[in-house]
Each structure stands twice: as C-alpha cells, then as structure tokens.
Amino acid sequence: MNTFRGVFLTGFLLCLSMLLIAGYFQFIEHLDPCPLCILQRLMVLVAGVFFLLGAIHNPVTTGRRIYGLLVVVSAGIGAVIAGRHVWLQQLPADQVPTCGPGLNFILENFPLSQAIDMVLRGSGECADVMWTFLGLSIPAWTLVAFVLMILAGLSQLFGKHRQPDFI
C-alpha cells in the first residue's frame, strides 16, 4: 500500500485498533485510564480523523502535504504526551508524584491552561505500569504507534506525489 489512500487508510485502521484495544482494557479488563492515558486517546482519535479524512478525500499534491502536516502535528503532540507518561513510569518510587484528582474534576474546577499543566505534570496513578507486552507498557507502545504515524505523515509531507488512485 504505497499510495496515499493506502497509507492513510492503514493509519486510520491503526488508530481505530488502538482505540478498540483501549476500550477493551478499560471496559473488559477494568484498567481505568489515568489523565495522561485519556489525552493520548484523544490524540489517537484526532490523528485517526485526519487519516480517515485524507483517505476519503484522496487529494493531489498540496492536499496530501496538508493532511501529512495535520497527522504529524497531532501525532507529535500525542508522542510528547506518551513520552512524558513513559518517563513518569521510569521514575524511582520515591520520585513519583502523589496521586491527584481525576480528569473530570480538574477540567471542571480549573482554567484550561492550568488543567493542561496539571495533567501533563502527571500523578501517581500515571506512574503505575498495569500491563506490558515484550517489556513495553501501554504508553510505550502508544509512543511507538505515534512515531509510526509521524513517519506516515512525513512521507506525505516531503514525499513525491503521483496522481491519486481511484478505487
């Protein structure tokens, strides 16, 4: 799938799979997401929407670059959040921040800029590693996925473009 539509459809399916897996962990395995997890899900959703819109629209040169940029920015923000989360999980126990209020409480009781700052600082529940696969936690795998999304976006932002394929 070297075509724009193929790359972006694959990106959308990756994002959809990630959200379904997150739902499985939350509703079936009862692993409650911390505020950083919720922000990562939001950025997966945003990137997924850009991937889907790009795949449906299947634009020519300039449009492909715009969609590529939108994916790079949204996945880049997600990668920063996931990187912060992984960093918190690697802290020694005595340096882990104390547990804080939930995301709903923060958003309802603080201005948006202060709420974002509080969430990004992280809290004790964000440092808990609840699941691993091949030695990587959920935020680490999410970081890997964001890097793949960034690479897909960069390939469209800086790659050579052919005429769109019609299917």
C-alpha atoms as a PDB file:
ATOM      1  CA  MET A   1       0.000   0.000   0.000  1.00  0.00           C
ATOM      2  CA  ASN A   2       2.306   2.715  -1.253  1.00  0.00           C
ATOM      3  CA  THR A   3      -0.467   5.011  -2.392  1.00  0.00           C
ATOM      4  CA  PHE A   4      -1.639   7.987  -0.370  1.00  0.00           C
ATOM      5  CA  ARG A   5      -5.044   6.424   0.156  1.00  0.00           C
ATOM      6  CA  GLY A   6      -3.487   3.114   1.223  1.00  0.00           C
ATOM      7  CA  VAL A   7      -1.112   4.770   3.699  1.00  0.00           C
ATOM      8  CA  PHE A   8      -3.860   6.898   5.191  1.00  0.00           C
ATOM      9  CA  LEU A   9      -6.360   4.042   5.338  1.00  0.00           C
ATOM     10  CA  THR A  10      -3.739   1.947   7.155  1.00  0.00           C
ATOM     11  CA  GLY A  11      -3.123   4.860   9.545  1.00  0.00           C
ATOM     12  CA  PHE A  12      -6.849   5.122  10.227  1.00  0.00           C
ATOM     13  CA  LEU A  13      -7.095   1.384  10.892  1.00  0.00           C
ATOM     14  CA  LEU A  14      -4.133   1.610  13.289  1.00  0.00           C
ATOM     15  CA  CYS A  15      -5.862   4.404  15.209  1.00  0.00           C
ATOM     16  CA  LEU A  16      -9.179   2.546  15.255  1.00  0.00           C
ATOM     17  CA  SER A  17      -7.426  -0.591  16.526  1.00  0.00           C
ATOM     18  CA  MET A  18      -5.706   1.401  19.267  1.00  0.00           C
ATOM     19  CA  LEU A  19      -8.997   2.897  20.439  1.00  0.00           C
ATOM     20  CA  LEU A  20     -10.692  -0.514  20.417  1.00  0.00           C
ATOM     21  CA  ILE A  21      -7.834  -2.011  22.431  1.00  0.00           C
ATOM     22  CA  ALA A  22      -8.023   0.893  24.894  1.00  0.00           C
ATOM     23  CA  GLY A  23     -11.760   0.261  25.250  1.00  0.00           C
ATOM     24  CA  TYR A  24     -11.098  -3.435  25.841  1.00  0.00           C
ATOM     25  CA  PHE A  25      -8.591  -2.654  28.586  1.00  0.00           C
ATOM     26  CA  GLN A  26     -10.959  -0.166  30.217  1.00  0.00           C
ATOM     27  CA  PHE A  27     -14.300  -1.962  29.966  1.00  0.00           C
ATOM     28  CA  ILE A  28     -13.339  -5.656  29.883  1.00  0.00           C
ATOM     29  CA  GLU A  29     -10.077  -5.766  31.878  1.00  0.00           C
ATOM     30  CA  HIS A  30     -11.187  -2.880  34.155  1.00  0.00           C
ATOM     31  CA  LEU A  31      -7.930  -0.914  33.806  1.00  0.00           C
ATOM     32  CA  ASP A  32      -9.040   2.642  34.485  1.00  0.00           C
ATOM     33  CA  PRO A  33      -7.180   5.199  32.340  1.00  0.00           C
ATOM     34  CA  CYS A  34      -5.209   7.958  34.045  1.00  0.00           C
ATOM     35  CA  PRO A  35      -5.461  11.561  32.759  1.00  0.00           C
ATOM     36  CA  LEU A  36      -2.400  11.111  30.512  1.00  0.00           C
ATOM     37  CA  CYS A  37      -3.966   7.965  29.012  1.00  0.00           C
ATOM     38  CA  ILE A  38      -7.114   9.909  28.214  1.00  0.00           C
ATOM     39  CA  LEU A  39      -5.118  12.665  26.490  1.00  0.00           C
ATOM     40  CA  GLN A  40      -3.251  10.046  24.453  1.00  0.00           C
ATOM     41  CA  ARG A  41      -6.569   8.512  23.392  1.00  0.00           C
ATOM     42  CA  LEU A  42      -7.780  11.950  22.357  1.00  0.00           C
ATOM     43  CA  MET A  43      -4.704  12.468  20.171  1.00  0.00           C
ATOM     44  CA  VAL A  44      -5.112   8.981  18.638  1.00  0.00           C
ATOM     45  CA  LEU A  45      -8.692   9.967  17.799  1.00  0.00           C
ATOM     46  CA  VAL A  46      -7.616  13.292  16.268  1.00  0.00           C
ATOM     47  CA  ALA A  47      -4.884  11.634  14.167  1.00  0.00           C
ATOM     48  CA  GLY A  48      -7.359   8.922  13.152  1.00  0.00           C
ATOM     49  CA  VAL A  49      -9.842  11.526  11.938  1.00  0.00           C
ATOM     50  CA  PHE A  50      -7.136  13.191   9.829  1.00  0.00           C
ATOM     51  CA  PHE A  51      -6.101   9.804   8.415  1.00  0.00           C
ATOM     52  CA  LEU A  52      -9.723   8.966   7.560  1.00  0.00           C
ATOM     53  CA  LEU A  53     -10.462  12.361   6.016  1.00  0.00           C
ATOM     54  CA  GLY A  54      -7.280  12.132   3.961  1.00  0.00           C
ATOM     55  CA  ALA A  55      -8.126   8.625   2.751  1.00  0.00           C
ATOM     56  CA  ILE A  56     -11.657   9.670   1.769  1.00  0.00           C
ATOM     57  CA  HIS A  57     -10.596  12.948   0.151  1.00  0.00           C
ATOM     58  CA  ASN A  58      -7.527  11.436  -1.604  1.00  0.00           C
ATOM     59  CA  PRO A  59      -6.191  14.870  -2.643  1.00  0.00           C
ATOM     60  CA  VAL A  60      -3.413  15.804  -5.031  1.00  0.00           C
ATOM     61  CA  THR A  61      -0.024  17.295  -4.060  1.00  0.00           C
ATOM     62  CA  THR A  62      -0.878  20.269  -1.810  1.00  0.00           C
ATOM     63  CA  GLY A  63      -3.747  18.491  -0.079  1.00  0.00           C
ATOM     64  CA  ARG A  64      -1.541  15.490   0.636  1.00  0.00           C
ATOM     65  CA  ARG A  65       1.017  17.744   2.264  1.00  0.00           C
ATOM     66  CA  ILE A  66      -1.670  19.432   4.365  1.00  0.00           C
ATOM     67  CA  TYR A  67      -3.051  16.103   5.588  1.00  0.00           C
ATOM     68  CA  GLY A  68       0.513  14.922   6.216  1.00  0.00           C
ATOM     69  CA  LEU A  69       1.191  18.030   8.312  1.00  0.00           C
ATOM     70  CA  LEU A  70      -2.043  17.590  10.294  1.00  0.00           C
ATOM     71  CA  VAL A  71      -1.092  13.987  11.080  1.00  0.00           C
ATOM     72  CA  VAL A  72       2.470  14.974  12.051  1.00  0.00           C
ATOM     73  CA  VAL A  73       1.219  17.706  14.411  1.00  0.00           C
ATOM     74  CA  SER A  74      -1.488  15.606  16.084  1.00  0.00           C
ATOM     75  CA  ALA A  75       0.715  12.509  16.390  1.00  0.00           C
ATOM     76  CA  GLY A  76       3.600  14.710  17.548  1.00  0.00           C
ATOM     77  CA  ILE A  77       1.506  16.109  20.387  1.00  0.00           C
ATOM     78  CA  GLY A  78       0.450  12.556  21.239  1.00  0.00           C
ATOM     79  CA  ALA A  79       4.093  11.412  21.195  1.00  0.00           C
ATOM     80  CA  VAL A  80       5.061  14.172  23.632  1.00  0.00           C
ATOM     81  CA  ILE A  81       2.254  13.122  25.985  1.00  0.00           C
ATOM     82  CA  ALA A  82       3.132   9.426  25.668  1.00  0.00           C
ATOM     83  CA  GLY A  83       6.830  10.225  26.166  1.00  0.00           C
ATOM     84  CA  ARG A  84       6.010  12.114  29.359  1.00  0.00           C
ATOM     85  CA  HIS A  85       3.936   9.145  30.511  1.00  0.00           C
ATOM     86  CA  VAL A  86       6.766   6.682  29.821  1.00  0.00           C
ATOM     87  CA  TRP A  87       9.165   8.991  31.673  1.00  0.00           C
ATOM     88  CA  LEU A  88       6.858   9.047  34.716  1.00  0.00           C
ATOM     89  CA  GLN A  89       6.709   5.248  34.661  1.00  0.00           C
ATOM     90  CA  GLN A  90      10.519   5.050  34.732  1.00  0.00           C
ATOM     91  CA  LEU A  91      10.899   7.259  37.817  1.00  0.00           C
ATOM     92  CA  PRO A  92      12.138   5.671  41.050  1.00  0.00           C
ATOM     93  CA  ALA A  93       9.301   5.112  43.535  1.00  0.00           C
ATOM     94  CA  ASP A  94      10.451   7.941  45.812  1.00  0.00           C
ATOM     95  CA  GLN A  95      10.264  10.470  42.946  1.00  0.00           C
ATOM     96  CA  VAL A  96       6.785   9.564  41.670  1.00  0.00           C
ATOM     97  CA  PRO A  97       4.332  12.455  42.142  1.00  0.00           C
ATOM     98  CA  THR A  98       1.448  11.945  44.539  1.00  0.00           C
ATOM     99  CA  CYS A  99      -1.903  10.864  43.143  1.00  0.00           C
ATOM    100  CA  GLY A 100      -4.080  13.725  42.052  1.00  0.00           C
ATOM    101  CA  PRO A 101      -7.731  14.284  41.228  1.00  0.00           C
ATOM    102  CA  GLY A 102      -9.373  12.758  38.167  1.00  0.00           C
ATOM    103  CA  LEU A 103      -9.510  14.473  34.807  1.00  0.00           C
ATOM    104  CA  ASN A 104     -13.184  15.444  35.135  1.00  0.00           C
ATOM    105  CA  PHE A 105     -12.534  17.189  38.468  1.00  0.00           C
ATOM    106  CA  ILE A 106      -9.525  19.022  37.042  1.00  0.00           C
ATOM    107  CA  LEU A 107     -11.417  20.216  33.955  1.00  0.00           C
ATOM    108  CA  GLU A 108     -14.449  21.327  35.983  1.00  0.00           C
ATOM    109  CA  ASN A 109     -12.524  23.234  38.652  1.00  0.00           C
ATOM    110  CA  PHE A 110      -9.500  24.809  36.973  1.00  0.00           C
ATOM    111  CA  PRO A 111      -8.928  27.094  33.966  1.00  0.00           C
ATOM    112  CA  LEU A 112      -7.960  25.148  30.840  1.00  0.00           C
ATOM    113  CA  SER A 113      -4.306  26.260  30.823  1.00  0.00           C
ATOM    114  CA  GLN A 114      -3.866  25.258  34.472  1.00  0.00           C
ATOM    115  CA  ALA A 115      -5.757  21.992  33.901  1.00  0.00           C
ATOM    116  CA  ILE A 116      -3.472  21.036  30.987  1.00  0.00           C
ATOM    117  CA  ASP A 117      -0.404  21.878  33.082  1.00  0.00           C
ATOM    118  CA  MET A 118      -1.675  19.739  35.976  1.00  0.00           C
ATOM    119  CA  VAL A 119      -2.415  16.773  33.716  1.00  0.00           C
ATOM    120  CA  LEU A 120       0.940  16.951  31.927  1.00  0.00           C
ATOM    121  CA  ARG A 121       2.822  17.046  35.225  1.00  0.00           C
ATOM    122  CA  GLY A 122       1.274  13.659  35.875  1.00  0.00           C
ATOM    123  CA  SER A 123       0.348  11.999  39.102  1.00  0.00           C
ATOM    124  CA  GLY A 124       0.943   8.759  40.957  1.00  0.00           C
ATOM    125  CA  GLU A 125      -1.597   6.702  39.035  1.00  0.00           C
ATOM    126  CA  CYS A 126       0.133   7.684  35.782  1.00  0.00           C
ATOM    127  CA  ALA A 127       3.330   6.002  37.012  1.00  0.00           C
ATOM    128  CA  ASP A 128       1.646   2.625  37.531  1.00  0.00           C
ATOM    129  CA  VAL A 129       2.526   0.014  34.917  1.00  0.00           C
ATOM    130  CA  MET A 130      -0.614  -2.113  34.650  1.00  0.00           C
ATOM    131  CA  TRP A 131       0.233  -4.189  31.558  1.00  0.00           C
ATOM    132  CA  THR A 132       3.278  -4.989  29.475  1.00  0.00           C
ATOM    133  CA  PHE A 133       3.979  -6.780  26.228  1.00  0.00           C
ATOM    134  CA  LEU A 134       7.546  -7.561  25.173  1.00  0.00           C
ATOM    135  CA  GLY A 135       8.727  -5.434  28.082  1.00  0.00           C
ATOM    136  CA  LEU A 136       6.886  -2.279  26.985  1.00  0.00           C
ATOM    137  CA  SER A 137       3.976  -0.677  28.824  1.00  0.00           C
ATOM    138  CA  ILE A 138       0.807   0.627  27.174  1.00  0.00           C
ATOM    139  CA  PRO A 139       2.163   4.211  26.973  1.00  0.00           C
ATOM    140  CA  ALA A 140       5.418   2.900  25.452  1.00  0.00           C
ATOM    141  CA  TRP A 141       3.504   1.020  22.743  1.00  0.00           C
ATOM    142  CA  THR A 142       1.393   4.123  22.194  1.00  0.00           C
ATOM    143  CA  LEU A 143       4.593   6.132  21.745  1.00  0.00           C
ATOM    144  CA  VAL A 144       5.777   3.603  19.138  1.00  0.00           C
ATOM    145  CA  ALA A 145       2.442   3.957  17.302  1.00  0.00           C
ATOM    146  CA  PHE A 146       2.673   7.774  17.375  1.00  0.00           C
ATOM    147  CA  VAL A 147       6.176   7.579  15.879  1.00  0.00           C
ATOM    148  CA  LEU A 148       4.801   5.379  13.066  1.00  0.00           C
ATOM    149  CA  MET A 149       2.012   7.898  12.478  1.00  0.00           C
ATOM    150  CA  ILE A 150       4.551  10.726  12.342  1.00  0.00           C
ATOM    151  CA  LEU A 151       6.598   8.792   9.775  1.00  0.00           C
ATOM    152  CA  ALA A 152       3.467   8.221   7.659  1.00  0.00           C
ATOM    153  CA  GLY A 153       2.645  11.922   7.817  1.00  0.00           C
ATOM    154  CA  LEU A 154       6.213  12.930   6.982  1.00  0.00           C
ATOM    155  CA  SER A 155       6.195  10.595   3.984  1.00  0.00           C
ATOM    156  CA  GLN A 156       3.280  12.597   2.594  1.00  0.00           C
ATOM    157  CA  LEU A 157       4.640  15.953   3.665  1.00  0.00           C
ATOM    158  CA  PHE A 158       8.017  15.511   1.970  1.00  0.00           C
ATOM    159  CA  GLY A 159       7.481  12.626  -0.467  1.00  0.00           C
ATOM    160  CA  LYS A 160       6.999  12.723  -4.212  1.00  0.00           C
ATOM    161  CA  HIS A 161       3.359  12.561  -5.199  1.00  0.00           C
ATOM    162  CA  ARG A 162       1.664  10.776  -8.086  1.00  0.00           C
ATOM    163  CA  GLN A 163      -1.796  11.422  -9.334  1.00  0.00           C
ATOM    164  CA  PRO A 164      -4.413   9.970  -6.987  1.00  0.00           C
ATOM    165  CA  ASP A 165      -5.571   6.425  -7.500  1.00  0.00           C
ATOM    166  CA  PHE A 166      -9.292   5.978  -7.914  1.00  0.00           C
ATOM    167  CA  ILE A 167     -10.916   2.965  -6.304  1.00  0.00           C
END
